[in-house]
């Protein structure tokens, strides 16, 4: 296997200058058009880094769940999950974060790089309440870079095409995967059968 181990070798393979639009689209704040993308998105991948390494975690909620507090500030609620809090642990120790927003039906994705802090301010938490349930914390993100990404990856993947949708029955279920890694101590058919009701009960 040929390994590229220097910037010179890497750049020799990509010797064409970046397309001008890929550079000029980078902003240091959320523009009105960029805010429209955030408000249309029900899903964001959150990347963080800490002493143990990297983490990339899915975040999903109703469209616009990431609030644009001002052009330099985003607020992301931490909804119910598995309580591993890997991303939050990382941010407490290293504030650098990256976000990738997806918009169903659109090939355009949106990226934000910045620095975050965790807040448990009661009034702020209450402002994100759904069905009377507030998040335990919110992540307050200071924007350093913001830009949209072209549609090539979405187009190549056919992500939003109906024919690209996978039948869940054709891939391993969470219960099956848990049973496999725990020699049957956790998971199994009962886990899968009970999950929909458990998720509905603890969604917010």
C-alpha atoms as a PDB file:
ATOM      1  CA  UNK A   1       0.000   0.000   0.000  1.00  0.00           C
ATOM      2  CA  UNK A   2       1.306   3.424  -0.980  1.00  0.00           C
ATOM      3  CA  UNK A   3       1.128   5.870   1.929  1.00  0.00           C
ATOM      4  CA  UNK A   4       1.133   9.638   1.444  1.00  0.00           C
ATOM      5  CA  UNK A   5       3.183  10.955   4.341  1.00  0.00           C
ATOM      6  CA  UNK A   6       3.973  14.553   3.412  1.00  0.00           C
ATOM      7  CA  UNK A   7       2.030  17.617   2.378  1.00  0.00           C
ATOM      8  CA  UNK A   8       4.210  17.894  -0.716  1.00  0.00           C
ATOM      9  CA  UNK A   9       3.267  14.415  -1.878  1.00  0.00           C
ATOM     10  CA  UNK A  10      -0.397  15.029  -1.145  1.00  0.00           C
ATOM     11  CA  UNK A  11      -0.514  18.373  -2.912  1.00  0.00           C
ATOM     12  CA  UNK A  12       1.235  16.895  -5.951  1.00  0.00           C
ATOM     13  CA  UNK A  13      -1.795  14.635  -6.411  1.00  0.00           C
ATOM     14  CA  UNK A  14      -4.188  17.570  -6.143  1.00  0.00           C
ATOM     15  CA  UNK A  15      -2.299  20.097  -8.212  1.00  0.00           C
ATOM     16  CA  UNK A  16      -5.349  22.007  -9.442  1.00  0.00           C
ATOM     17  CA  UNK A  17      -6.120  25.184  -7.513  1.00  0.00           C
ATOM     18  CA  UNK A  18      -9.341  25.161  -5.459  1.00  0.00           C
ATOM     19  CA  UNK A  19     -12.419  26.456  -7.247  1.00  0.00           C
ATOM     20  CA  UNK A  20     -12.845  30.116  -6.303  1.00  0.00           C
ATOM     21  CA  UNK A  21     -16.372  29.553  -4.979  1.00  0.00           C
ATOM     22  CA  UNK A  22     -15.071  26.996  -2.472  1.00  0.00           C
ATOM     23  CA  UNK A  23     -13.012  29.706  -0.795  1.00  0.00           C
ATOM     24  CA  UNK A  24     -15.163  32.823  -1.023  1.00  0.00           C
ATOM     25  CA  UNK A  25     -18.197  31.062   0.490  1.00  0.00           C
ATOM     26  CA  UNK A  26     -16.486  30.835   3.908  1.00  0.00           C
ATOM     27  CA  UNK A  27     -17.936  33.352   6.371  1.00  0.00           C
ATOM     28  CA  UNK A  28     -17.021  34.135   9.969  1.00  0.00           C
ATOM     29  CA  UNK A  29     -20.661  34.494  10.950  1.00  0.00           C
ATOM     30  CA  UNK A  30     -24.099  33.164  10.066  1.00  0.00           C
ATOM     31  CA  UNK A  31     -25.402  35.112   7.081  1.00  0.00           C
ATOM     32  CA  UNK A  32     -29.162  35.359   6.411  1.00  0.00           C
ATOM     33  CA  UNK A  33     -28.902  32.653   3.738  1.00  0.00           C
ATOM     34  CA  UNK A  34     -26.899  30.407   6.049  1.00  0.00           C
ATOM     35  CA  UNK A  35     -29.468  30.945   8.799  1.00  0.00           C
ATOM     36  CA  UNK A  36     -32.156  29.701   6.411  1.00  0.00           C
ATOM     37  CA  UNK A  37     -30.215  26.453   5.962  1.00  0.00           C
ATOM     38  CA  UNK A  38     -29.892  25.938   9.723  1.00  0.00           C
ATOM     39  CA  UNK A  39     -33.588  26.618  10.265  1.00  0.00           C
ATOM     40  CA  UNK A  40     -34.525  24.037   7.600  1.00  0.00           C
ATOM     41  CA  UNK A  41     -32.334  21.298   9.084  1.00  0.00           C
ATOM     42  CA  UNK A  42     -33.642  18.593  11.442  1.00  0.00           C
ATOM     43  CA  UNK A  43     -30.275  16.816  11.684  1.00  0.00           C
ATOM     44  CA  UNK A  44     -26.668  17.734  12.447  1.00  0.00           C
ATOM     45  CA  UNK A  45     -23.536  15.656  12.972  1.00  0.00           C
ATOM     46  CA  UNK A  46     -21.488  17.076  15.856  1.00  0.00           C
ATOM     47  CA  UNK A  47     -17.732  16.446  15.922  1.00  0.00           C
ATOM     48  CA  UNK A  48     -15.683  17.042  19.083  1.00  0.00           C
ATOM     49  CA  UNK A  49     -12.216  16.204  20.340  1.00  0.00           C
ATOM     50  CA  UNK A  50     -10.881  15.300  23.775  1.00  0.00           C
ATOM     51  CA  UNK A  51      -7.966  13.565  25.499  1.00  0.00           C
ATOM     52  CA  UNK A  52      -9.339  10.142  24.532  1.00  0.00           C
ATOM     53  CA  UNK A  53      -9.661  11.098  20.870  1.00  0.00           C
ATOM     54  CA  UNK A  54     -12.349  12.171  18.423  1.00  0.00           C
ATOM     55  CA  UNK A  55     -16.107  11.785  18.594  1.00  0.00           C
ATOM     56  CA  UNK A  56     -18.832  12.350  16.006  1.00  0.00           C
ATOM     57  CA  UNK A  57     -22.384  12.210  17.272  1.00  0.00           C
ATOM     58  CA  UNK A  58     -25.794  12.558  15.541  1.00  0.00           C
ATOM     59  CA  UNK A  59     -28.191  15.218  16.748  1.00  0.00           C
ATOM     60  CA  UNK A  60     -31.761  15.344  15.480  1.00  0.00           C
ATOM     61  CA  UNK A  61     -34.913  17.241  16.365  1.00  0.00           C
ATOM     62  CA  UNK A  62     -37.585  19.360  14.754  1.00  0.00           C
ATOM     63  CA  UNK A  63     -36.306  21.585  11.899  1.00  0.00           C
ATOM     64  CA  UNK A  64     -34.519  24.614  13.274  1.00  0.00           C
ATOM     65  CA  UNK A  65     -33.712  22.944  16.598  1.00  0.00           C
ATOM     66  CA  UNK A  66     -30.265  24.549  16.461  1.00  0.00           C
ATOM     67  CA  UNK A  67     -31.026  28.155  17.387  1.00  0.00           C
ATOM     68  CA  UNK A  68     -29.277  31.103  15.774  1.00  0.00           C
ATOM     69  CA  UNK A  69     -28.993  33.375  18.804  1.00  0.00           C
ATOM     70  CA  UNK A  70     -27.038  35.972  16.830  1.00  0.00           C
ATOM     71  CA  UNK A  71     -24.784  35.881  13.745  1.00  0.00           C
ATOM     72  CA  UNK A  72     -21.857  34.553  15.788  1.00  0.00           C
ATOM     73  CA  UNK A  73     -23.718  32.256  18.201  1.00  0.00           C
ATOM     74  CA  UNK A  74     -25.573  28.949  17.799  1.00  0.00           C
ATOM     75  CA  UNK A  75     -27.313  27.072  20.614  1.00  0.00           C
ATOM     76  CA  UNK A  76     -27.776  23.298  20.445  1.00  0.00           C
ATOM     77  CA  UNK A  77     -30.032  21.558  23.007  1.00  0.00           C
ATOM     78  CA  UNK A  78     -28.903  18.196  24.376  1.00  0.00           C
ATOM     79  CA  UNK A  79     -31.996  15.993  24.158  1.00  0.00           C
ATOM     80  CA  UNK A  80     -32.503  12.634  25.860  1.00  0.00           C
ATOM     81  CA  UNK A  81     -29.947  10.014  24.880  1.00  0.00           C
ATOM     82  CA  UNK A  82     -27.866   7.185  26.287  1.00  0.00           C
ATOM     83  CA  UNK A  83     -26.103   9.288  28.966  1.00  0.00           C
ATOM     84  CA  UNK A  84     -22.622   8.522  27.626  1.00  0.00           C
ATOM     85  CA  UNK A  85     -22.209  12.325  27.143  1.00  0.00           C
ATOM     86  CA  UNK A  86     -19.029  11.758  25.119  1.00  0.00           C
ATOM     87  CA  UNK A  87     -19.454  15.009  23.178  1.00  0.00           C
ATOM     88  CA  UNK A  88     -20.147  17.025  26.318  1.00  0.00           C
ATOM     89  CA  UNK A  89     -17.157  15.570  28.135  1.00  0.00           C
ATOM     90  CA  UNK A  90     -14.981  16.555  25.200  1.00  0.00           C
ATOM     91  CA  UNK A  91     -16.277  20.132  25.035  1.00  0.00           C
ATOM     92  CA  UNK A  92     -15.643  20.688  28.755  1.00  0.00           C
ATOM     93  CA  UNK A  93     -11.980  19.843  28.144  1.00  0.00           C
ATOM     94  CA  UNK A  94     -11.516  21.091  24.558  1.00  0.00           C
ATOM     95  CA  UNK A  95     -13.994  23.625  23.141  1.00  0.00           C
ATOM     96  CA  UNK A  96     -13.332  22.940  19.445  1.00  0.00           C
ATOM     97  CA  UNK A  97     -16.375  21.646  17.562  1.00  0.00           C
ATOM     98  CA  UNK A  98     -17.510  21.070  13.988  1.00  0.00           C
ATOM     99  CA  UNK A  99     -21.080  20.682  12.772  1.00  0.00           C
ATOM    100  CA  UNK A 100     -22.476  19.271   9.531  1.00  0.00           C
ATOM    101  CA  UNK A 101     -26.149  20.044   8.858  1.00  0.00           C
ATOM    102  CA  UNK A 102     -28.278  17.899   6.526  1.00  0.00           C
ATOM    103  CA  UNK A 103     -31.548  19.028   4.951  1.00  0.00           C
ATOM    104  CA  UNK A 104     -33.830  16.236   3.695  1.00  0.00           C
ATOM    105  CA  UNK A 105     -34.429  16.585  -0.030  1.00  0.00           C
ATOM    106  CA  UNK A 106     -31.598  19.078  -0.548  1.00  0.00           C
ATOM    107  CA  UNK A 107     -28.160  18.284  -1.891  1.00  0.00           C
ATOM    108  CA  UNK A 108     -26.692  21.275  -0.069  1.00  0.00           C
ATOM    109  CA  UNK A 109     -25.124  20.595   3.307  1.00  0.00           C
ATOM    110  CA  UNK A 110     -23.890  23.252   5.727  1.00  0.00           C
ATOM    111  CA  UNK A 111     -20.779  23.284   7.889  1.00  0.00           C
ATOM    112  CA  UNK A 112     -19.813  25.259  10.983  1.00  0.00           C
ATOM    113  CA  UNK A 113     -16.495  25.230  12.834  1.00  0.00           C
ATOM    114  CA  UNK A 114     -16.177  26.964  16.155  1.00  0.00           C
ATOM    115  CA  UNK A 115     -15.789  26.738  19.905  1.00  0.00           C
ATOM    116  CA  UNK A 116     -18.411  25.651  22.392  1.00  0.00           C
ATOM    117  CA  UNK A 117     -19.289  25.761  26.054  1.00  0.00           C
ATOM    118  CA  UNK A 118     -21.938  23.889  28.032  1.00  0.00           C
ATOM    119  CA  UNK A 119     -24.685  25.818  29.853  1.00  0.00           C
ATOM    120  CA  UNK A 120     -27.326  24.684  32.347  1.00  0.00           C
ATOM    121  CA  UNK A 121     -28.921  28.126  32.707  1.00  0.00           C
ATOM    122  CA  UNK A 122     -32.540  27.410  33.792  1.00  0.00           C
ATOM    123  CA  UNK A 123     -34.141  30.108  31.653  1.00  0.00           C
ATOM    124  CA  UNK A 124     -32.183  29.027  28.596  1.00  0.00           C
ATOM    125  CA  UNK A 125     -33.079  25.374  29.144  1.00  0.00           C
ATOM    126  CA  UNK A 126     -36.761  26.246  29.582  1.00  0.00           C
ATOM    127  CA  UNK A 127     -36.743  28.105  26.266  1.00  0.00           C
ATOM    128  CA  UNK A 128     -35.990  24.792  24.542  1.00  0.00           C
ATOM    129  CA  UNK A 129     -38.669  22.766  26.334  1.00  0.00           C
ATOM    130  CA  UNK A 130     -40.885  20.450  24.279  1.00  0.00           C
ATOM    131  CA  UNK A 131     -43.981  18.890  25.809  1.00  0.00           C
ATOM    132  CA  UNK A 132     -42.913  20.465  29.087  1.00  0.00           C
ATOM    133  CA  UNK A 133     -39.528  18.717  29.023  1.00  0.00           C
ATOM    134  CA  UNK A 134     -36.379  20.840  28.877  1.00  0.00           C
ATOM    135  CA  UNK A 135     -32.927  19.550  27.914  1.00  0.00           C
ATOM    136  CA  UNK A 136     -30.445  19.024  30.746  1.00  0.00           C
ATOM    137  CA  UNK A 137     -27.900  21.262  29.042  1.00  0.00           C
ATOM    138  CA  UNK A 138     -27.382  23.293  25.910  1.00  0.00           C
ATOM    139  CA  UNK A 139     -24.215  23.792  23.898  1.00  0.00           C
ATOM    140  CA  UNK A 140     -23.447  27.439  23.121  1.00  0.00           C
ATOM    141  CA  UNK A 141     -21.273  27.593  20.015  1.00  0.00           C
ATOM    142  CA  UNK A 142     -19.227  30.592  18.909  1.00  0.00           C
ATOM    143  CA  UNK A 143     -18.969  30.499  15.122  1.00  0.00           C
ATOM    144  CA  UNK A 144     -15.503  30.792  13.600  1.00  0.00           C
ATOM    145  CA  UNK A 145     -16.217  29.482  10.093  1.00  0.00           C
ATOM    146  CA  UNK A 146     -19.487  28.831   8.291  1.00  0.00           C
ATOM    147  CA  UNK A 147     -20.018  27.638   4.732  1.00  0.00           C
ATOM    148  CA  UNK A 148     -22.196  25.442   2.563  1.00  0.00           C
ATOM    149  CA  UNK A 149     -20.939  22.294   0.876  1.00  0.00           C
ATOM    150  CA  UNK A 150     -21.740  21.440  -2.738  1.00  0.00           C
ATOM    151  CA  UNK A 151     -24.150  18.607  -3.537  1.00  0.00           C
ATOM    152  CA  UNK A 152     -21.747  16.070  -5.063  1.00  0.00           C
ATOM    153  CA  UNK A 153     -21.653  13.732  -2.035  1.00  0.00           C
ATOM    154  CA  UNK A 154     -25.447  13.703  -1.699  1.00  0.00           C
ATOM    155  CA  UNK A 155     -25.922  13.201  -5.446  1.00  0.00           C
ATOM    156  CA  UNK A 156     -23.368  10.389  -5.626  1.00  0.00           C
ATOM    157  CA  UNK A 157     -24.898   8.631  -2.627  1.00  0.00           C
ATOM    158  CA  UNK A 158     -28.494   9.035  -3.808  1.00  0.00           C
ATOM    159  CA  UNK A 159     -29.245   9.728  -0.154  1.00  0.00           C
ATOM    160  CA  UNK A 160     -32.716  11.195  -0.594  1.00  0.00           C
ATOM    161  CA  UNK A 161     -33.893   8.907  -3.399  1.00  0.00           C
ATOM    162  CA  UNK A 162     -36.683   6.492  -2.481  1.00  0.00           C
ATOM    163  CA  UNK A 163     -34.881   3.653  -4.241  1.00  0.00           C
ATOM    164  CA  UNK A 164     -31.839   4.219  -2.026  1.00  0.00           C
ATOM    165  CA  UNK A 165     -33.762   3.513   1.176  1.00  0.00           C
ATOM    166  CA  UNK A 166     -32.644   0.316   2.907  1.00  0.00           C
ATOM    167  CA  UNK A 167     -35.114  -2.215   4.262  1.00  0.00           C
ATOM    168  CA  UNK A 168     -34.288  -2.371   8.008  1.00  0.00           C
ATOM    169  CA  UNK A 169     -34.929  -6.120   7.913  1.00  0.00           C
ATOM    170  CA  UNK A 170     -31.867  -6.573   5.692  1.00  0.00           C
ATOM    171  CA  UNK A 171     -29.345  -5.191   8.196  1.00  0.00           C
ATOM    172  CA  UNK A 172     -28.492  -6.203  11.784  1.00  0.00           C
ATOM    173  CA  UNK A 173     -30.869  -4.808  14.388  1.00  0.00           C
ATOM    174  CA  UNK A 174     -29.650  -3.016  17.539  1.00  0.00           C
ATOM    175  CA  UNK A 175     -30.813  -5.984  19.625  1.00  0.00           C
ATOM    176  CA  UNK A 176     -28.875  -8.424  17.465  1.00  0.00           C
ATOM    177  CA  UNK A 177     -25.711  -6.335  17.603  1.00  0.00           C
ATOM    178  CA  UNK A 178     -25.929  -5.935  21.376  1.00  0.00           C
ATOM    179  CA  UNK A 179     -26.482  -9.662  21.836  1.00  0.00           C
ATOM    180  CA  UNK A 180     -23.465 -10.433  19.654  1.00  0.00           C
ATOM    181  CA  UNK A 181     -21.039  -8.201  21.547  1.00  0.00           C
ATOM    182  CA  UNK A 182     -22.282  -9.267  25.003  1.00  0.00           C
ATOM    183  CA  UNK A 183     -22.652 -13.005  24.365  1.00  0.00           C
ATOM    184  CA  UNK A 184     -26.394 -12.652  24.790  1.00  0.00           C
ATOM    185  CA  UNK A 185     -26.340 -10.825  28.136  1.00  0.00           C
ATOM    186  CA  UNK A 186     -27.851  -7.636  26.653  1.00  0.00           C
ATOM    187  CA  UNK A 187     -30.103  -7.111  23.648  1.00  0.00           C
ATOM    188  CA  UNK A 188     -31.856  -9.740  21.617  1.00  0.00           C
ATOM    189  CA  UNK A 189     -35.365  -9.826  20.201  1.00  0.00           C
ATOM    190  CA  UNK A 190     -36.917  -8.440  23.383  1.00  0.00           C
ATOM    191  CA  UNK A 191     -34.730  -5.327  23.130  1.00  0.00           C
ATOM    192  CA  UNK A 192     -35.889  -4.654  19.564  1.00  0.00           C
ATOM    193  CA  UNK A 193     -39.514  -5.382  20.393  1.00  0.00           C
ATOM    194  CA  UNK A 194     -39.561  -3.000  23.372  1.00  0.00           C
ATOM    195  CA  UNK A 195     -37.531  -0.190  21.802  1.00  0.00           C
ATOM    196  CA  UNK A 196     -40.336   1.732  19.994  1.00  0.00           C
ATOM    197  CA  UNK A 197     -42.355   2.148  23.192  1.00  0.00           C
ATOM    198  CA  UNK A 198     -39.256   2.973  25.232  1.00  0.00           C
ATOM    199  CA  UNK A 199     -38.140   5.576  22.687  1.00  0.00           C
ATOM    200  CA  UNK A 200     -41.566   7.208  22.527  1.00  0.00           C
ATOM    201  CA  UNK A 201     -41.629   7.441  26.321  1.00  0.00           C
ATOM    202  CA  UNK A 202     -38.206   9.082  26.529  1.00  0.00           C
ATOM    203  CA  UNK A 203     -38.026  11.093  23.279  1.00  0.00           C
ATOM    204  CA  UNK A 204     -37.799  14.494  24.984  1.00  0.00           C
END
